[in-house]
Protein backbone atom coordinates (compact mmCIF):
# COMPACT_ATOMS: atom_id res chain seq x y z
CA MET A 1 -22.69 3.67 -18.73
CA THR A 2 -22.61 0.05 -17.30
CA GLU A 3 -19.24 -0.88 -15.88
CA ILE A 4 -17.66 -4.19 -16.66
CA ILE A 5 -15.64 -6.26 -14.53
CA ASP A 6 -14.02 -9.01 -16.41
CA LYS A 7 -13.24 -12.17 -14.27
CA TYR A 8 -11.46 -15.43 -15.29
CA VAL A 9 -10.00 -18.27 -13.00
CA LEU A 10 -7.14 -20.55 -14.69
CA GLU A 11 -7.13 -24.14 -14.25
CA ASN A 12 -4.72 -23.73 -11.20
CA GLY A 13 -6.84 -21.16 -9.44
CA MET A 14 -5.10 -18.14 -10.46
CA VAL A 15 -7.26 -15.10 -10.69
CA VAL A 16 -7.49 -12.81 -13.59
CA LEU A 17 -9.42 -9.46 -13.48
CA GLY A 18 -9.94 -6.84 -15.88
CA GLU A 19 -11.94 -3.60 -16.38
CA PRO A 20 -12.02 -2.25 -19.91
CA MET A 21 -11.74 1.86 -20.37
CA GLU A 22 -13.32 3.46 -23.44
CA GLY A 23 -11.42 5.87 -25.40
CA VAL A 24 -7.97 4.79 -24.40
CA GLU A 25 -5.29 3.29 -26.20
CA SER A 26 -3.05 2.32 -23.35
CA VAL A 27 -3.35 -0.44 -20.67
CA ALA A 28 -1.92 -1.44 -17.64
CA PHE A 29 -1.53 -4.58 -15.62
CA CYS A 30 -0.22 -5.73 -12.06
CA PHE A 31 0.37 -9.12 -10.26
CA MET A 32 0.02 -9.27 -6.77
CA ILE A 33 2.10 -11.75 -5.44
CA PRO A 34 2.02 -13.58 -2.13
CA SER A 35 5.29 -12.40 -0.68
CA GLY A 36 4.93 -9.39 1.10
CA ALA A 37 6.73 -8.17 4.26
CA SER A 38 4.63 -10.25 6.53
CA LYS A 39 5.08 -13.11 4.72
CA MET A 40 8.69 -13.47 5.39
CA PRO A 41 10.46 -15.65 7.60
CA GLU A 42 11.74 -14.46 11.03
CA LYS A 43 15.24 -12.84 10.55
CA CYS A 44 14.48 -11.92 7.03
CA CYS A 45 12.92 -8.53 7.10
CA GLY A 46 13.41 -6.50 3.86
CA ALA A 47 14.11 -10.05 1.64
CA SER A 48 10.82 -8.88 -0.45
CA ASN A 49 12.68 -5.73 -1.63
CA ILE A 50 15.67 -7.99 -2.78
CA ILE A 51 13.15 -10.32 -4.51
CA SER A 52 11.33 -7.64 -6.43
CA ASP A 53 14.57 -6.65 -7.76
CA TRP A 54 16.26 -9.80 -8.27
CA ILE A 55 13.78 -11.37 -10.25
CA PHE A 56 14.44 -8.87 -12.95
CA ARG A 57 17.84 -9.53 -13.41
CA GLY A 58 17.42 -12.28 -16.00
CA ALA A 59 14.61 -14.75 -16.84
CA GLY A 60 13.83 -16.96 -19.48
CA SER A 61 15.98 -17.11 -22.44
CA LYS A 62 17.20 -13.25 -21.48
CA ASN A 63 20.11 -12.36 -19.06
CA SER A 64 19.50 -9.28 -17.20
CA ARG A 65 20.63 -6.71 -19.90
CA GLU A 66 18.74 -8.56 -22.53
CA LEU A 67 15.60 -8.66 -20.28
CA GLY A 68 15.82 -4.71 -19.39
CA ASP A 69 16.36 -4.03 -23.25
CA ALA A 70 13.23 -6.53 -24.28
CA LEU A 71 11.09 -4.37 -21.33
CA ASP A 72 12.28 -1.09 -22.45
CA GLY A 73 11.59 -1.94 -26.22
CA LEU A 74 7.95 -2.45 -25.30
CA GLY A 75 7.69 0.54 -24.12
CA LEU A 76 6.56 -0.41 -20.38
CA VAL A 77 6.47 2.35 -17.75
CA ARG A 78 7.02 -0.31 -15.04
CA SER A 79 5.99 -0.09 -11.31
CA SER A 80 6.78 -2.05 -8.02
CA SER A 81 5.52 -2.02 -4.48
CA ILE A 82 6.12 -3.68 -1.19
CA GLY A 83 2.92 -4.28 1.19
CA SER A 84 2.50 -6.49 4.17
CA SER A 85 0.91 -9.30 2.12
CA HIS A 86 1.92 -8.93 -1.52
CA ILE A 87 4.69 -7.71 -3.86
CA THR A 88 2.86 -5.77 -6.32
CA ILE A 89 4.63 -5.62 -9.89
CA GLY A 90 2.97 -4.43 -13.07
CA ALA A 91 3.37 -1.59 -16.04
CA ALA A 92 1.58 0.62 -18.29
CA LEU A 93 1.99 0.69 -21.89
CA GLU A 94 0.52 0.89 -25.33
CA SER A 95 -2.19 -1.67 -25.61
CA GLY A 96 -0.52 -3.39 -28.71
CA ASN A 97 2.29 -4.69 -26.93
CA LEU A 98 0.36 -6.28 -23.96
CA LEU A 99 0.51 -9.90 -24.77
CA ASP A 100 4.17 -9.87 -25.37
CA SER A 101 4.47 -8.09 -22.10
CA LEU A 102 2.54 -10.84 -20.42
CA LYS A 103 5.00 -13.44 -21.80
CA LEU A 104 8.11 -11.77 -20.71
CA TYR A 105 6.15 -11.31 -17.02
CA SER A 106 5.52 -14.99 -17.04
CA ASP A 107 9.31 -15.85 -17.17
CA ILE A 108 10.15 -13.00 -14.54
CA ILE A 109 7.64 -14.57 -12.17
CA LEU A 110 8.15 -18.34 -13.02
CA ARG A 111 11.25 -18.62 -14.69
CA HIS A 112 13.70 -16.08 -13.09
CA HIS A 113 17.67 -16.83 -13.11
CA LEU A 114 18.41 -15.74 -9.43
CA LEU A 115 22.15 -15.82 -10.05
CA ASP A 116 24.30 -15.21 -6.98
CA ASP A 117 26.23 -12.25 -8.31
CA GLN A 118 22.77 -10.53 -9.07
CA PHE A 119 21.50 -11.08 -5.60
CA SER A 120 24.45 -9.33 -4.03
CA LEU A 121 23.75 -6.05 -6.22
CA ALA A 122 19.93 -6.42 -5.54
CA LYS A 123 20.75 -6.82 -1.71
CA GLN A 124 23.18 -3.78 -1.51
CA LEU A 125 20.65 -1.54 -3.39
CA THR A 126 17.98 -2.78 -0.51
CA ILE A 127 20.33 -1.68 2.41
CA ASP A 128 21.33 1.42 0.87
CA ASP A 129 17.60 2.46 0.77
CA VAL A 130 17.10 1.56 4.50
CA VAL A 131 20.10 3.37 5.58
CA SER A 132 18.60 6.47 3.36
CA LEU A 133 15.80 6.54 5.82
CA ASP A 134 18.01 8.67 8.30
CA ASP A 135 17.87 11.44 5.61
CA ASP A 136 14.04 11.13 5.11
CA PRO A 137 12.39 11.13 8.92
CA ARG A 138 8.94 11.52 7.54
CA ARG A 139 9.21 8.52 5.85
CA LYS A 140 10.89 6.85 8.95
CA VAL A 141 8.17 7.77 11.16
CA MET A 142 5.46 6.35 8.98
CA LEU A 143 7.36 3.19 8.85
CA LYS A 144 8.07 2.76 12.36
CA LEU A 145 4.34 3.99 13.35
CA ARG A 146 2.88 0.99 11.31
CA GLU A 147 5.29 -1.28 13.10
CA LEU A 148 4.00 -0.10 16.53
CA PHE A 149 0.42 -0.01 15.37
CA TYR A 150 -0.04 -3.39 13.86
CA PRO A 151 0.71 -6.57 15.33
CA ASP A 152 4.00 -8.52 14.22
CA PRO A 153 4.52 -9.56 11.55
CA LEU A 154 1.54 -7.39 9.91
CA GLY A 155 3.40 -4.19 10.79
CA ARG A 156 6.82 -5.35 9.74
CA SER A 157 8.65 -2.65 7.62
CA THR A 158 8.17 -2.94 3.97
CA VAL A 159 11.89 -1.49 3.69
CA GLY A 160 13.40 -3.82 5.70
CA GLU A 161 16.19 -4.02 8.47
CA VAL A 162 19.87 -3.50 8.03
CA LYS A 163 20.89 -6.48 10.30
CA ASP A 164 18.72 -9.00 8.80
CA LEU A 165 19.69 -8.00 5.23
CA GLU A 166 23.37 -8.02 5.99
CA ASN A 167 22.91 -11.56 7.23
CA LEU A 168 20.53 -12.89 4.38
CA THR A 169 21.87 -15.36 1.59
CA ALA A 170 21.11 -16.14 -1.90
CA ASP A 171 19.97 -19.70 -0.84
CA THR A 172 17.93 -18.48 1.62
CA THR A 173 16.20 -15.87 -0.57
CA LYS A 174 15.80 -18.66 -3.12
CA ASN A 175 13.60 -20.90 -0.81
CA ILE A 176 11.36 -18.08 0.17
CA ILE A 177 10.53 -17.22 -3.49
CA LYS A 178 9.97 -21.09 -4.16
CA ASP A 179 7.47 -21.17 -1.26
CA THR A 180 5.72 -17.80 -1.88
CA PHE A 181 5.69 -17.45 -5.72
CA LEU A 182 2.76 -19.44 -6.00
CA PRO A 183 0.62 -19.06 -9.30
CA SER A 184 -2.54 -20.14 -7.88
CA GLU A 185 -2.26 -17.63 -5.23
CA ILE A 186 -1.19 -14.50 -7.70
CA ILE A 187 -4.04 -12.11 -8.34
CA PHE A 188 -3.72 -10.87 -11.76
CA SER A 189 -5.50 -7.66 -13.05
CA VAL A 190 -5.55 -5.41 -16.19
CA ALA A 191 -7.30 -2.25 -17.15
CA GLY A 192 -7.78 0.00 -20.11
CA LYS A 193 -8.09 -1.34 -23.72
CA TYR A 194 -7.71 -5.26 -24.26
CA ASP A 195 -9.06 -8.24 -25.46
CA PHE A 196 -9.91 -10.22 -22.22
CA GLU A 197 -10.18 -13.67 -24.23
CA GLU A 198 -6.86 -13.30 -25.54
CA ILE A 199 -5.07 -12.48 -22.12
CA CYS A 200 -6.88 -15.48 -20.74
CA HIS A 201 -5.32 -17.69 -23.26
CA ILE A 202 -2.09 -16.17 -22.62
CA MET A 203 -2.37 -16.54 -19.06
CA GLU A 204 -3.57 -20.12 -19.38
CA GLU A 205 -0.50 -20.99 -21.58
CA ASN A 206 1.69 -19.56 -19.40
CA PHE A 207 0.62 -20.12 -15.91
CA SER A 208 -1.35 -23.03 -15.76
CA ASP A 209 1.14 -25.47 -16.06
CA LYS A 210 2.32 -24.57 -12.75
CA LYS A 211 0.22 -26.42 -10.24
CA THR A 212 1.10 -25.62 -6.55
CA SER A 213 -0.34 -25.75 -3.37
CA SER A 214 -0.04 -22.94 -0.48
CA LYS A 215 2.70 -23.13 2.01
CA ASN A 216 1.82 -20.17 3.55
CA LYS A 217 0.91 -20.99 7.28
CA GLU A 218 -1.71 -18.77 9.13
CA LEU A 219 0.11 -15.53 10.62
CA LEU A 220 0.63 -15.94 14.27
CA LEU A 221 -0.11 -12.12 15.42
CA GLN A 222 1.67 -10.92 18.16
CA GLU A 223 0.34 -7.47 19.31
CA ASN A 224 2.60 -4.97 20.37
CA GLU A 225 2.38 -3.34 23.82
CA ASP A 226 4.23 -0.02 23.24
CA LYS A 227 2.25 3.13 22.94
CA TYR A 228 4.95 5.58 22.54
CA LEU A 229 8.16 5.21 21.34
CA HIS A 230 11.11 8.18 20.52
CA ILE A 231 14.25 8.37 18.70
CA ASP A 232 16.36 11.04 19.60
CA ASN A 233 18.13 13.08 16.93
CA GLU A 234 19.81 16.44 17.35
CA SER A 235 17.83 18.59 14.59
CA ALA A 236 15.95 21.58 14.52
CA GLN A 237 12.69 19.54 13.71
CA VAL A 238 10.59 17.21 15.92
CA HIS A 239 8.61 14.66 13.72
CA ILE A 240 5.52 13.48 15.19
CA GLY A 241 3.57 10.63 13.99
CA LEU A 242 0.20 9.23 15.52
CA MET A 243 -2.35 6.25 14.56
CA THR A 244 -5.45 5.07 15.88
CA GLU A 245 -7.53 2.11 14.93
CA THR A 246 -10.76 2.33 12.58
CA VAL A 247 -12.83 -0.07 10.46
CA THR A 248 -11.44 -2.26 8.06
CA PRO A 249 -12.22 -1.83 4.13
CA ASN A 250 -14.91 -4.80 4.26
CA ASP A 251 -16.90 -2.77 7.16
CA ASP A 252 -20.33 -1.34 6.55
CA ASN A 253 -18.98 2.14 8.39
CA TYR A 254 -15.87 1.97 5.75
CA TYR A 255 -16.94 5.29 3.86
CA ASN A 256 -17.97 6.80 7.00
CA ALA A 257 -14.59 6.24 8.31
CA ARG A 258 -13.11 7.86 5.15
CA VAL A 259 -15.12 10.92 4.96
CA ALA A 260 -14.26 11.41 8.63
CA VAL A 261 -10.47 11.34 7.81
CA SER A 262 -11.28 13.65 4.99
CA VAL A 263 -12.98 16.16 7.50
CA LEU A 264 -9.59 16.08 9.40
CA SER A 265 -7.33 16.26 6.62
CA GLY A 266 -8.86 16.73 3.22
CA GLY A 267 -7.37 19.97 2.16
CA MET A 268 -6.35 23.17 3.24
CA SER A 269 -9.83 23.79 4.71
CA ALA A 270 -9.78 20.79 6.60
CA ARG A 271 -9.73 20.68 10.24
CA LEU A 272 -5.85 19.77 11.44
CA PHE A 273 -4.53 22.11 8.64
CA THR A 274 -7.04 24.94 10.10
CA GLU A 275 -6.63 24.70 13.67
CA VAL A 276 -2.85 23.26 14.39
CA ARG A 277 -1.02 24.87 11.42
CA GLU A 278 -3.02 28.06 10.35
CA LYS A 279 -4.63 29.24 13.66
CA ARG A 280 -2.03 28.32 15.81
CA GLY A 281 1.09 28.14 13.89
CA LEU A 282 2.31 25.08 15.51
CA CYS A 283 3.75 23.12 12.80
CA TYR A 284 4.94 23.63 9.15
CA ALA A 285 3.63 20.12 7.74
CA ILE A 286 0.53 17.98 8.93
CA GLY A 287 -2.09 15.52 7.65
CA ALA A 288 -3.68 12.35 8.22
CA ARG A 289 -4.95 9.58 5.83
CA TYR A 290 -6.49 6.11 6.29
CA HIS A 291 -4.24 3.04 6.17
CA GLY A 292 -5.93 -0.30 5.77
CA LEU A 293 -4.93 -4.03 5.70
CA LYS A 294 -7.27 -6.93 5.62
CA GLN A 295 -6.74 -7.53 9.10
CA LYS A 296 -6.81 -4.11 10.88
CA ALA A 297 -6.78 -0.47 9.69
CA GLY A 298 -6.10 2.76 11.20
CA VAL A 299 -5.97 6.72 10.66
CA LEU A 300 -2.16 8.15 10.31
CA CYS A 301 -1.69 11.46 11.15
CA TYR A 302 1.84 12.98 10.75
CA ALA A 303 3.31 16.44 12.09
CA GLY A 304 6.25 18.17 11.84
CA THR A 305 7.23 21.11 14.11
CA THR A 306 9.98 22.67 16.48
CA PRO A 307 11.29 21.35 19.86
CA GLU A 308 9.54 24.21 21.81
CA LYS A 309 6.02 23.42 19.92
CA THR A 310 6.19 19.66 20.18
CA GLN A 311 4.11 18.93 23.10
CA GLU A 312 1.47 21.60 22.42
CA THR A 313 1.31 20.14 18.75
CA TYR A 314 0.57 16.70 19.99
CA GLU A 315 -2.35 17.81 22.34
CA VAL A 316 -4.18 19.79 19.94
CA ILE A 317 -4.00 17.03 17.19
CA ILE A 318 -5.41 14.68 19.92
CA GLU A 319 -8.06 17.26 20.52
CA GLU A 320 -8.97 17.64 16.99
CA PHE A 321 -9.33 13.92 16.53
CA LYS A 322 -11.54 13.48 19.52
CA ASN A 323 -13.57 16.42 18.87
CA LEU A 324 -14.88 14.98 15.57
CA CYS A 325 -17.46 12.80 17.53
CA ASN A 326 -18.91 16.22 18.98
CA GLY A 327 -20.46 17.42 15.63
CA ILE A 328 -19.48 17.75 12.17
CA GLU A 329 -20.93 20.61 9.97
CA GLU A 330 -22.82 19.79 6.76
CA GLU A 331 -20.37 22.01 4.62
CA GLU A 332 -17.39 20.11 6.07
CA ILE A 333 -19.27 16.74 5.06
CA GLU A 334 -19.91 17.99 1.69
CA ARG A 335 -16.21 19.47 0.82
CA ALA A 336 -14.72 16.02 2.10
CA LYS A 337 -17.40 14.06 -0.14
CA VAL A 338 -16.47 16.26 -2.92
CA GLY A 339 -12.67 15.39 -2.04
CA LEU A 340 -13.03 11.90 -2.33
CA LYS A 341 -15.27 11.64 -5.29
CA SER A 342 -12.42 13.79 -7.33
CA SER A 343 -9.84 11.82 -6.16
CA LEU A 344 -12.12 8.78 -7.34
CA ILE A 345 -12.74 10.39 -10.84
CA LEU A 346 -8.68 11.13 -11.41
CA GLN A 347 -8.31 7.25 -10.45
CA SER A 348 -11.06 6.36 -13.22
CA GLU A 349 -8.95 7.90 -15.73
CA SER A 350 -5.82 6.13 -15.01
CA SER A 351 -5.31 2.57 -16.14
CA SER A 352 -2.56 2.02 -13.97
CA SER A 353 -4.87 3.21 -10.60
CA ARG A 354 -7.64 0.91 -11.89
CA ALA A 355 -5.49 -2.10 -12.31
CA GLY A 356 -4.28 -1.52 -8.86
CA ALA A 357 -7.21 -0.96 -7.09
CA ILE A 358 -9.12 -3.98 -8.91
CA ALA A 359 -6.47 -6.39 -7.49
CA SER A 360 -6.53 -4.73 -4.02
CA ASP A 361 -10.34 -4.98 -4.17
CA TYR A 362 -10.41 -8.47 -4.88
CA TYR A 363 -7.66 -9.47 -1.87
CA MET A 364 -9.52 -7.27 0.65
CA LEU A 365 -13.00 -8.08 -0.18
CA GLY A 366 -13.21 -10.79 -2.38
CA LYS A 367 -15.07 -9.07 -5.06
CA VAL A 368 -14.11 -5.77 -7.14
CA ARG A 369 -16.37 -2.54 -6.44
CA SER A 370 -17.17 -0.73 -9.62
CA LEU A 371 -16.38 2.92 -9.52
CA ASP A 372 -20.41 3.83 -9.64
CA GLU A 373 -20.44 1.40 -6.34
CA ILE A 374 -17.87 3.42 -5.05
CA LYS A 375 -19.30 6.78 -5.59
CA LYS A 376 -22.69 5.86 -4.34
CA SER A 377 -21.23 4.67 -1.03
CA ILE A 378 -19.46 8.15 -0.77
CA GLU A 379 -22.88 9.91 -1.50
CA ILE A 380 -25.02 8.34 0.81
CA THR A 381 -22.73 9.27 3.94
CA SER A 382 -24.27 12.16 5.90
CA GLU A 383 -23.63 14.42 8.95
CA ASP A 384 -25.44 12.08 11.19
CA SER A 385 -24.23 8.51 9.90
CA VAL A 386 -20.38 10.00 10.01
CA VAL A 387 -21.17 11.43 13.65
CA ASN A 388 -23.14 8.47 14.53
CA PHE A 389 -20.15 6.03 13.78
CA LEU A 390 -17.61 8.14 15.49
CA LYS A 391 -19.87 8.08 18.70
CA ARG A 392 -19.32 4.16 18.50
CA ASP A 393 -15.98 3.95 17.20
CA ASN A 394 -14.46 7.52 18.32
CA PHE A 395 -10.80 8.05 17.63
CA ASP A 396 -9.40 7.68 21.27
CA ASP A 397 -6.42 5.31 21.55
CA PHE A 398 -3.20 6.49 19.96
CA ILE A 399 0.10 4.83 19.20
CA VAL A 400 2.82 7.36 19.10
CA PHE A 401 6.24 7.66 17.54
CA THR A 402 8.66 10.90 17.53
CA ILE A 403 11.98 11.59 15.71
CA GLY A 404 13.79 14.69 17.14
CA PRO A 405 15.62 16.20 19.88
CA SER A 406 12.68 16.32 22.30
CA SER A 407 10.16 13.81 23.61
CA ILE A 408 6.55 14.67 24.84
CA ASN A 409 4.11 13.24 27.51
CA ILE A 410 1.60 11.22 26.01
CA LEU A 411 -2.02 12.14 26.97
């Protein structure tokens, strides 16, 4: 079956993408709005989270309650996320309600009310979420690790900082929205059952009257010189986070990197789980995954252990990362490839996953990869291609972050 990628560019430059899916009655869509954490002004860390809530508190002819009722009445399963570069909002729903939903979302994105009393509510919810990180040290480790690894502002917390949030005003946030909610720079994607011609007509009708020029300045990146940071916390566990640089999604070795990470942490037979947890009993939880931005990418690793095992856990993890370039068994490569392709198959059956992947691909790569293209790219990787990649780009320089009653001596 030939995969189809629909594309249309509105008069104002906004990109509309789509991938039809046979045999489904559902559809999913998403808007990638260039208002992510790295796009926020200095001392406004967390404003993106407030914005993603505030714009839903009344838009067009509807107040907050009426808008919520209208969205629920269309049966939308809503989603939103904050990334380094974008706020992504969207929904999955029955395909017959798609056009009405897009009209509502055009109000939410372009004709939001932004009332001051609703700002206070959105702000407090965002602060509460940041405070809750103290009860979720694993999440906190991952956020702080990315702050250390990526140059500022790329690594800024996607949750926010309490001090910045407390000082943020409604007027400042309105100006941020005005400067970043630029229709010409929004990427819209849809996947599932839809009529692309109808979608393009609705999008032209509701978005093209807003002709804007970019006010986003080129980011001035500042590398973080810290290699290790520890937060003391009197608890029974130590939470370890490590991150090392690898290739970005647009690199020719991207799939070799993904297979290498799957060899490390692609299941219960993967090296980290087997060597660190099963054979040595050093930790109760461990895993690694690829994390990539357009400008830089890395491999994240997390381990939860006890204070007396912290140093050894850290050293064994580093050893396993570095040992990859010394050789990988063919069985490990095949198992990693099967795992990646299984994830791909699961994604192909979800309209929400495909809508998100389409928009992300276009932003990262300037094109959309078909599922067949991704599958072939995974299949052509081999023991030689992965090991040769690792010999040139070995995982040997780490950023480390820990939370717990004991720190570590970094190698």
